[in-house]
Structures are given as structure tokens and as C-alpha cells.
């Protein structure tokens, strides 16, 4: 058997996308915001390899609130 195997994991969604968007819009804590963005990207299909695993030196991101309460994220 190939040791690399399929490393996919099932994601259990405890929050709806609307809940994530609301929490992101309300968040003033940078660490919480990073975690919510991580979860949102997982929900949208990003793999663990696509996502940073530590916040030691995360890429700089700018957050802009949109009219509907969601946030747009852009990597600098």
C-alpha cells in the first residue's frame, strides 16, 4: 500500500458560512480573525497544505468590511 495515501479529512461544519461571515465582521481580535479565515477557507475546499499551519510569520492580510457584512481579504 502506498504510504502517502489519501490524507483527506471530513470537515464537520459547526458554523454556517453566514455565521462565519458575521463573526468575521464582528471580530476585533487578530488571532480569532485568522482562525475564522482558516476555517472559512477549509469550508471552501482549501487543503491543509494550502493553508498556513502557524501564525509565527503569517502573510500580511488586509481586511475590508463589505456592505453586506462580509470581509474581503487580500494578501499583501
PDB file of N, CA and C in Angstrom:
ATOM      1  N   UNK A   1       0.841  -1.191   0.000  1.00  0.00           N
ATOM      2  CA  UNK A   1       0.000   0.000   0.000  1.00  0.00           C
ATOM      3  C   UNK A   1       0.878   1.244   0.000  1.00  0.00           C
ATOM      4  N   UNK A   2       0.497   2.227  -0.772  1.00  0.00           N
ATOM      5  CA  UNK A   2       1.236   3.482  -0.868  1.00  0.00           C
ATOM      6  C   UNK A   2       1.141   4.237   0.457  1.00  0.00           C
ATOM      7  N   UNK A   3       2.295   4.578   1.047  1.00  0.00           N
ATOM      8  CA  UNK A   3       2.310   5.240   2.342  1.00  0.00           C
ATOM      9  C   UNK A   3       1.827   6.684   2.278  1.00  0.00           C
ATOM     10  N   UNK A   4       1.908   7.317   1.092  1.00  0.00           N
ATOM     11  CA  UNK A   4       1.455   8.701   1.012  1.00  0.00           C
ATOM     12  C   UNK A   4      -0.057   8.767   1.135  1.00  0.00           C
ATOM     13  N   UNK A   5      -0.769   7.807   0.562  1.00  0.00           N
ATOM     14  CA  UNK A   5      -2.221   7.669   0.728  1.00  0.00           C
ATOM     15  C   UNK A   5      -3.010   8.952   0.584  1.00  0.00           C
ATOM     16  N   UNK A   6      -4.298   8.821   0.717  1.00  0.00           N
ATOM     17  CA  UNK A   6      -5.203   9.959   0.653  1.00  0.00           C
ATOM     18  C   UNK A   6      -5.311  10.545   2.052  1.00  0.00           C
ATOM     19  N   UNK A   7      -4.911  11.809   2.208  1.00  0.00           N
ATOM     20  CA  UNK A   7      -4.900  12.437   3.526  1.00  0.00           C
ATOM     21  C   UNK A   7      -6.116  13.326   3.753  1.00  0.00           C
ATOM     22  N   UNK A   8      -7.143  13.156   2.971  1.00  0.00           N
ATOM     23  CA  UNK A   8      -8.338  13.985   3.142  1.00  0.00           C
ATOM     24  C   UNK A   8      -9.026  13.651   4.454  1.00  0.00           C
ATOM     25  N   UNK A   9      -9.557  14.661   5.054  1.00  0.00           N
ATOM     26  CA  UNK A   9     -10.317  14.513   6.291  1.00  0.00           C
ATOM     27  C   UNK A   9     -11.699  15.097   6.057  1.00  0.00           C
ATOM     28  N   UNK A  10     -12.670  14.523   6.730  1.00  0.00           N
ATOM     29  CA  UNK A  10     -14.017  15.072   6.635  1.00  0.00           C
ATOM     30  C   UNK A  10     -14.112  16.283   7.554  1.00  0.00           C
ATOM     31  N   UNK A  11     -14.624  17.371   7.021  1.00  0.00           N
ATOM     32  CA  UNK A  11     -14.796  18.592   7.800  1.00  0.00           C
ATOM     33  C   UNK A  11     -16.203  18.593   8.392  1.00  0.00           C
ATOM     34  N   UNK A  12     -16.281  18.707   9.713  1.00  0.00           N
ATOM     35  CA  UNK A  12     -17.576  18.817  10.383  1.00  0.00           C
ATOM     36  C   UNK A  12     -17.850  20.308  10.545  1.00  0.00           C
ATOM     37  N   UNK A  13     -18.907  20.761   9.923  1.00  0.00           N
ATOM     38  CA  UNK A  13     -19.212  22.198   9.906  1.00  0.00           C
ATOM     39  C   UNK A  13     -20.082  22.573  11.102  1.00  0.00           C
ATOM     40  N   UNK A  14     -19.446  23.180  12.090  1.00  0.00           N
ATOM     41  CA  UNK A  14     -20.161  23.597  13.290  1.00  0.00           C
ATOM     42  C   UNK A  14     -20.778  24.980  13.122  1.00  0.00           C
ATOM     43  N   UNK A  15     -20.286  25.741  12.145  1.00  0.00           N
ATOM     44  CA  UNK A  15     -20.798  27.080  11.870  1.00  0.00           C
ATOM     45  C   UNK A  15     -21.218  27.161  10.414  1.00  0.00           C
ATOM     46  N   UNK A  16     -22.290  27.875  10.153  1.00  0.00           N
ATOM     47  CA  UNK A  16     -22.687  28.106   8.766  1.00  0.00           C
ATOM     48  C   UNK A  16     -21.777  29.185   8.180  1.00  0.00           C
ATOM     49  N   UNK A  17     -21.785  29.301   6.860  1.00  0.00           N
ATOM     50  CA  UNK A  17     -20.981  30.350   6.224  1.00  0.00           C
ATOM     51  C   UNK A  17     -21.470  31.726   6.671  1.00  0.00           C
ATOM     52  N   UNK A  18     -22.781  31.877   6.844  1.00  0.00           N
ATOM     53  CA  UNK A  18     -23.328  33.149   7.336  1.00  0.00           C
ATOM     54  C   UNK A  18     -22.813  33.461   8.740  1.00  0.00           C
ATOM     55  N   UNK A  19     -22.752  32.438   9.603  1.00  0.00           N
ATOM     56  CA  UNK A  19     -22.218  32.635  10.953  1.00  0.00           C
ATOM     57  C   UNK A  19     -20.754  33.056  10.902  1.00  0.00           C
ATOM     58  N   UNK A  20     -19.972  32.389  10.039  1.00  0.00           N
ATOM     59  CA  UNK A  20     -18.559  32.758   9.896  1.00  0.00           C
ATOM     60  C   UNK A  20     -18.423  34.203   9.429  1.00  0.00           C
ATOM     61  N   UNK A  21     -19.216  34.587   8.433  1.00  0.00           N
ATOM     62  CA  UNK A  21     -19.164  35.962   7.924  1.00  0.00           C
ATOM     63  C   UNK A  21     -19.524  36.965   9.013  1.00  0.00           C
ATOM     64  N   UNK A  22     -20.549  36.652   9.807  1.00  0.00           N
ATOM     65  CA  UNK A  22     -20.962  37.547  10.888  1.00  0.00           C
ATOM     66  C   UNK A  22     -19.855  37.671  11.936  1.00  0.00           C
ATOM     67  N   UNK A  23     -19.272  36.539  12.323  1.00  0.00           N
ATOM     68  CA  UNK A  23     -18.195  36.564  13.314  1.00  0.00           C
ATOM     69  C   UNK A  23     -16.977  37.323  12.800  1.00  0.00           C
ATOM     70  N   UNK A  24     -16.657  37.154  11.516  1.00  0.00           N
ATOM     71  CA  UNK A  24     -15.547  37.904  10.927  1.00  0.00           C
ATOM     72  C   UNK A  24     -15.824  39.404  10.953  1.00  0.00           C
ATOM     73  N   UNK A  25     -17.045  39.783  10.637  1.00  0.00           N
ATOM     74  CA  UNK A  25     -17.408  41.200  10.625  1.00  0.00           C
ATOM     75  C   UNK A  25     -17.328  41.807  12.027  1.00  0.00           C
ATOM     76  N   UNK A  26     -17.630  41.010  13.051  1.00  0.00           N
ATOM     77  CA  UNK A  26     -17.644  41.496  14.433  1.00  0.00           C
ATOM     78  C   UNK A  26     -16.290  41.391  15.127  1.00  0.00           C
ATOM     79  N   UNK A  27     -15.390  40.580  14.603  1.00  0.00           N
ATOM     80  CA  UNK A  27     -14.136  40.290  15.295  1.00  0.00           C
ATOM     81  C   UNK A  27     -13.207  41.501  15.345  1.00  0.00           C
ATOM     82  N   UNK A  28     -12.677  41.754  16.537  1.00  0.00           N
ATOM     83  CA  UNK A  28     -11.648  42.773  16.706  1.00  0.00           C
ATOM     84  C   UNK A  28     -10.339  42.132  17.165  1.00  0.00           C
ATOM     85  N   UNK A  29     -10.358  40.817  17.335  1.00  0.00           N
ATOM     86  CA  UNK A  29      -9.188  40.066  17.784  1.00  0.00           C
ATOM     87  C   UNK A  29      -8.484  39.450  16.581  1.00  0.00           C
ATOM     88  N   UNK A  30      -7.223  39.821  16.368  1.00  0.00           N
ATOM     89  CA  UNK A  30      -6.487  39.365  15.189  1.00  0.00           C
ATOM     90  C   UNK A  30      -6.359  37.841  15.141  1.00  0.00           C
ATOM     91  N   UNK A  31      -6.083  37.221  16.275  1.00  0.00           N
ATOM     92  CA  UNK A  31      -5.927  35.757  16.324  1.00  0.00           C
ATOM     93  C   UNK A  31      -7.247  35.057  15.970  1.00  0.00           C
ATOM     94  N   UNK A  32      -8.351  35.541  16.523  1.00  0.00           N
ATOM     95  CA  UNK A  32      -9.659  34.975  16.205  1.00  0.00           C
ATOM     96  C   UNK A  32      -9.975  35.163  14.723  1.00  0.00           C
ATOM     97  N   UNK A  33      -9.673  36.333  14.190  1.00  0.00           N
ATOM     98  CA  UNK A  33      -9.912  36.600  12.768  1.00  0.00           C
ATOM     99  C   UNK A  33      -9.132  35.616  11.909  1.00  0.00           C
ATOM    100  N   UNK A  34      -7.860  35.372  12.251  1.00  0.00           N
ATOM    101  CA  UNK A  34      -7.041  34.412  11.496  1.00  0.00           C
ATOM    102  C   UNK A  34      -7.653  33.016  11.544  1.00  0.00           C
ATOM    103  N   UNK A  35      -8.129  32.612  12.700  1.00  0.00           N
ATOM    104  CA  UNK A  35      -8.732  31.277  12.845  1.00  0.00           C
ATOM    105  C   UNK A  35     -10.024  31.161  12.038  1.00  0.00           C
ATOM    106  N   UNK A  36     -10.845  32.205  12.076  1.00  0.00           N
ATOM    107  CA  UNK A  36     -12.094  32.187  11.311  1.00  0.00           C
ATOM    108  C   UNK A  36     -11.819  32.131   9.811  1.00  0.00           C
ATOM    109  N   UNK A  37     -10.817  32.868   9.352  1.00  0.00           N
ATOM    110  CA  UNK A  37     -10.444  32.828   7.931  1.00  0.00           C
ATOM    111  C   UNK A  37      -9.947  31.433   7.570  1.00  0.00           C
ATOM    112  N   UNK A  38      -9.161  30.818   8.451  1.00  0.00           N
ATOM    113  CA  UNK A  38      -8.672  29.458   8.237  1.00  0.00           C
ATOM    114  C   UNK A  38      -9.847  28.495   8.057  1.00  0.00           C
ATOM    115  N   UNK A  39     -10.825  28.576   8.962  1.00  0.00           N
ATOM    116  CA  UNK A  39     -11.995  27.697   8.891  1.00  0.00           C
ATOM    117  C   UNK A  39     -12.785  27.961   7.615  1.00  0.00           C
ATOM    118  N   UNK A  40     -12.977  29.230   7.286  1.00  0.00           N
ATOM    119  CA  UNK A  40     -13.748  29.567   6.082  1.00  0.00           C
ATOM    120  C   UNK A  40     -13.072  29.013   4.830  1.00  0.00           C
ATOM    121  N   UNK A  41     -11.748  29.126   4.767  1.00  0.00           N
ATOM    122  CA  UNK A  41     -11.022  28.597   3.606  1.00  0.00           C
ATOM    123  C   UNK A  41     -11.114  27.075   3.547  1.00  0.00           C
ATOM    124  N   UNK A  42     -11.080  26.397   4.690  1.00  0.00           N
ATOM    125  CA  UNK A  42     -11.281  24.945   4.708  1.00  0.00           C
ATOM    126  C   UNK A  42     -12.668  24.584   4.189  1.00  0.00           C
ATOM    127  N   UNK A  43     -13.673  25.314   4.655  1.00  0.00           N
ATOM    128  CA  UNK A  43     -15.045  25.069   4.202  1.00  0.00           C
ATOM    129  C   UNK A  43     -15.157  25.218   2.690  1.00  0.00           C
ATOM    130  N   UNK A  44     -14.372  26.135   2.113  1.00  0.00           N
ATOM    131  CA  UNK A  44     -14.443  26.386   0.674  1.00  0.00           C
ATOM    132  C   UNK A  44     -13.586  25.415  -0.131  1.00  0.00           C
ATOM    133  N   UNK A  45     -12.907  24.485   0.545  1.00  0.00           N
ATOM    134  CA  UNK A  45     -12.194  23.440  -0.167  1.00  0.00           C
ATOM    135  C   UNK A  45     -10.686  23.537  -0.179  1.00  0.00           C
ATOM    136  N   UNK A  46     -10.114  24.516   0.519  1.00  0.00           N
ATOM    137  CA  UNK A  46      -8.661  24.608   0.587  1.00  0.00           C
ATOM    138  C   UNK A  46      -8.126  23.381   1.323  1.00  0.00           C
ATOM    139  N   UNK A  47      -6.976  22.901   0.904  1.00  0.00           N
ATOM    140  CA  UNK A  47      -6.361  21.768   1.591  1.00  0.00           C
ATOM    141  C   UNK A  47      -5.487  22.286   2.724  1.00  0.00           C
ATOM    142  N   UNK A  48      -5.151  21.409   3.654  1.00  0.00           N
ATOM    143  CA  UNK A  48      -4.280  21.817   4.754  1.00  0.00           C
ATOM    144  C   UNK A  48      -2.932  22.283   4.235  1.00  0.00           C
ATOM    145  N   UNK A  49      -2.480  21.700   3.113  1.00  0.00           N
ATOM    146  CA  UNK A  49      -1.215  22.116   2.526  1.00  0.00           C
ATOM    147  C   UNK A  49      -1.299  23.538   1.973  1.00  0.00           C
ATOM    148  N   UNK A  50      -2.507  23.987   1.600  1.00  0.00           N
ATOM    149  CA  UNK A  50      -2.708  25.333   1.069  1.00  0.00           C
ATOM    150  C   UNK A  50      -2.680  26.392   2.164  1.00  0.00           C
ATOM    151  N   UNK A  51      -2.939  25.985   3.393  1.00  0.00           N
ATOM    152  CA  UNK A  51      -3.137  26.926   4.482  1.00  0.00           C
ATOM    153  C   UNK A  51      -1.918  26.992   5.389  1.00  0.00           C
ATOM    154  N   UNK A  52      -1.627  28.183   5.940  1.00  0.00           N
ATOM    155  CA  UNK A  52      -0.532  28.269   6.909  1.00  0.00           C
ATOM    156  C   UNK A  52      -0.897  27.480   8.160  1.00  0.00           C
ATOM    157  N   UNK A  53       0.081  26.795   8.753  1.00  0.00           N
ATOM    158  CA  UNK A  53      -0.196  25.970   9.927  1.00  0.00           C
ATOM    159  C   UNK A  53       0.153  26.672  11.229  1.00  0.00           C
ATOM    160  N   UNK A  54       0.918  27.746  11.162  1.00  0.00           N
ATOM    161  CA  UNK A  54       1.234  28.502  12.367  1.00  0.00           C
ATOM    162  C   UNK A  54       1.057  29.973  12.072  1.00  0.00           C
ATOM    163  N   UNK A  55       0.962  30.749  13.110  1.00  0.00           N
ATOM    164  CA  UNK A  55       0.851  32.188  12.911  1.00  0.00           C
ATOM    165  C   UNK A  55       2.170  32.875  13.261  1.00  0.00           C
ATOM    166  N   UNK A  56       3.278  32.113  13.264  1.00  0.00           N
ATOM    167  CA  UNK A  56       4.578  32.697  13.589  1.00  0.00           C
ATOM    168  C   UNK A  56       4.899  33.855  12.655  1.00  0.00           C
ATOM    169  N   UNK A  57       4.810  33.634  11.383  1.00  0.00           N
ATOM    170  CA  UNK A  57       5.011  34.678  10.396  1.00  0.00           C
ATOM    171  C   UNK A  57       3.948  34.567   9.312  1.00  0.00           C
ATOM    172  N   UNK A  58       2.687  34.855   9.661  1.00  0.00           N
ATOM    173  CA  UNK A  58       1.641  34.728   8.647  1.00  0.00           C
ATOM    174  C   UNK A  58       1.783  35.816   7.597  1.00  0.00           C
ATOM    175  N   UNK A  59       1.303  35.560   6.387  1.00  0.00           N
ATOM    176  CA  UNK A  59       1.338  36.617   5.385  1.00  0.00           C
ATOM    177  C   UNK A  59       0.466  37.774   5.847  1.00  0.00           C
ATOM    178  N   UNK A  60       0.890  38.989   5.548  1.00  0.00           N
ATOM    179  CA  UNK A  60       0.115  40.160   5.916  1.00  0.00           C
ATOM    180  C   UNK A  60      -1.171  40.174   5.126  1.00  0.00           C
ATOM    181  N   UNK A  61      -2.275  40.413   5.807  1.00  0.00           N
ATOM    182  CA  UNK A  61      -3.567  40.469   5.144  1.00  0.00           C
ATOM    183  C   UNK A  61      -4.272  41.748   5.547  1.00  0.00           C
ATOM    184  N   UNK A  62      -4.976  42.319   4.593  1.00  0.00           N
ATOM    185  CA  UNK A  62      -5.789  43.485   4.872  1.00  0.00           C
ATOM    186  C   UNK A  62      -7.240  43.049   4.843  1.00  0.00           C
ATOM    187  N   UNK A  63      -8.005  43.522   5.812  1.00  0.00           N
ATOM    188  CA  UNK A  63      -9.415  43.153   5.902  1.00  0.00           C
ATOM    189  C   UNK A  63     -10.255  44.387   5.609  1.00  0.00           C
ATOM    190  N   UNK A  64     -11.198  44.246   4.732  1.00  0.00           N
ATOM    191  CA  UNK A  64     -12.103  45.343   4.420  1.00  0.00           C
ATOM    192  C   UNK A  64     -13.528  44.845   4.563  1.00  0.00           C
ATOM    193  N   UNK A  65     -14.315  45.512   5.364  1.00  0.00           N
ATOM    194  CA  UNK A  65     -15.713  45.128   5.515  1.00  0.00           C
ATOM    195  C   UNK A  65     -16.507  45.508   4.280  1.00  0.00           C
ATOM    196  N   UNK A  66     -17.384  44.627   3.854  1.00  0.00           N
ATOM    197  CA  UNK A  66     -18.242  44.896   2.718  1.00  0.00           C
ATOM    198  C   UNK A  66     -19.623  45.313   3.212  1.00  0.00           C
ATOM    199  N   UNK A  67     -20.418  45.894   2.337  1.00  0.00           N
ATOM    200  CA  UNK A  67     -21.728  46.413   2.715  1.00  0.00           C
ATOM    201  C   UNK A  67     -22.618  45.344   3.350  1.00  0.00           C
ATOM    202  N   UNK A  68     -22.499  44.088   2.882  1.00  0.00           N
ATOM    203  CA  UNK A  68     -23.368  43.038   3.416  1.00  0.00           C
ATOM    204  C   UNK A  68     -22.818  42.410   4.696  1.00  0.00           C
ATOM    205  N   UNK A  69     -21.732  42.969   5.239  1.00  0.00           N
ATOM    206  CA  UNK A  69     -21.184  42.474   6.491  1.00  0.00           C
ATOM    207  C   UNK A  69     -20.072  41.451   6.342  1.00  0.00           C
ATOM    208  N   UNK A  70     -19.791  41.008   5.113  1.00  0.00           N
ATOM    209  CA  UNK A  70     -18.688  40.069   4.917  1.00  0.00           C
ATOM    210  C   UNK A  70     -17.393  40.850   4.803  1.00  0.00           C
ATOM    211  N   UNK A  71     -16.304  40.135   4.847  1.00  0.00           N
ATOM    212  CA  UNK A  71     -14.999  40.775   4.733  1.00  0.00           C
ATOM    213  C   UNK A  71     -14.271  40.257   3.519  1.00  0.00           C
ATOM    214  N   UNK A  72     -13.591  41.154   2.870  1.00  0.00           N
ATOM    215  CA  UNK A  72     -12.724  40.766   1.763  1.00  0.00           C
ATOM    216  C   UNK A  72     -11.308  40.703   2.313  1.00  0.00           C
ATOM    217  N   UNK A  73     -10.567  39.698   1.924  1.00  0.00           N
ATOM    218  CA  UNK A  73      -9.207  39.517   2.418  1.00  0.00           C
ATOM    219  C   UNK A  73      -8.267  39.537   1.236  1.00  0.00           C
ATOM    220  N   UNK A  74      -7.221  40.343   1.352  1.00  0.00           N
ATOM    221  CA  UNK A  74      -6.220  40.351   0.287  1.00  0.00           C
ATOM    222  C   UNK A  74      -4.850  40.189   0.908  1.00  0.00           C
ATOM    223  N   UNK A  75      -4.045  39.308   0.323  1.00  0.00           N
ATOM    224  CA  UNK A  75      -2.681  39.111   0.802  1.00  0.00           C
ATOM    225  C   UNK A  75      -1.820  40.240   0.278  1.00  0.00           C
ATOM    226  N   UNK A  76      -0.986  40.792   1.142  1.00  0.00           N
ATOM    227  CA  UNK A  76      -0.092  41.877   0.728  1.00  0.00           C
ATOM    228  C   UNK A  76       1.239  41.327   0.320  1.00  0.00           C
TER     229      UNK A  76
END
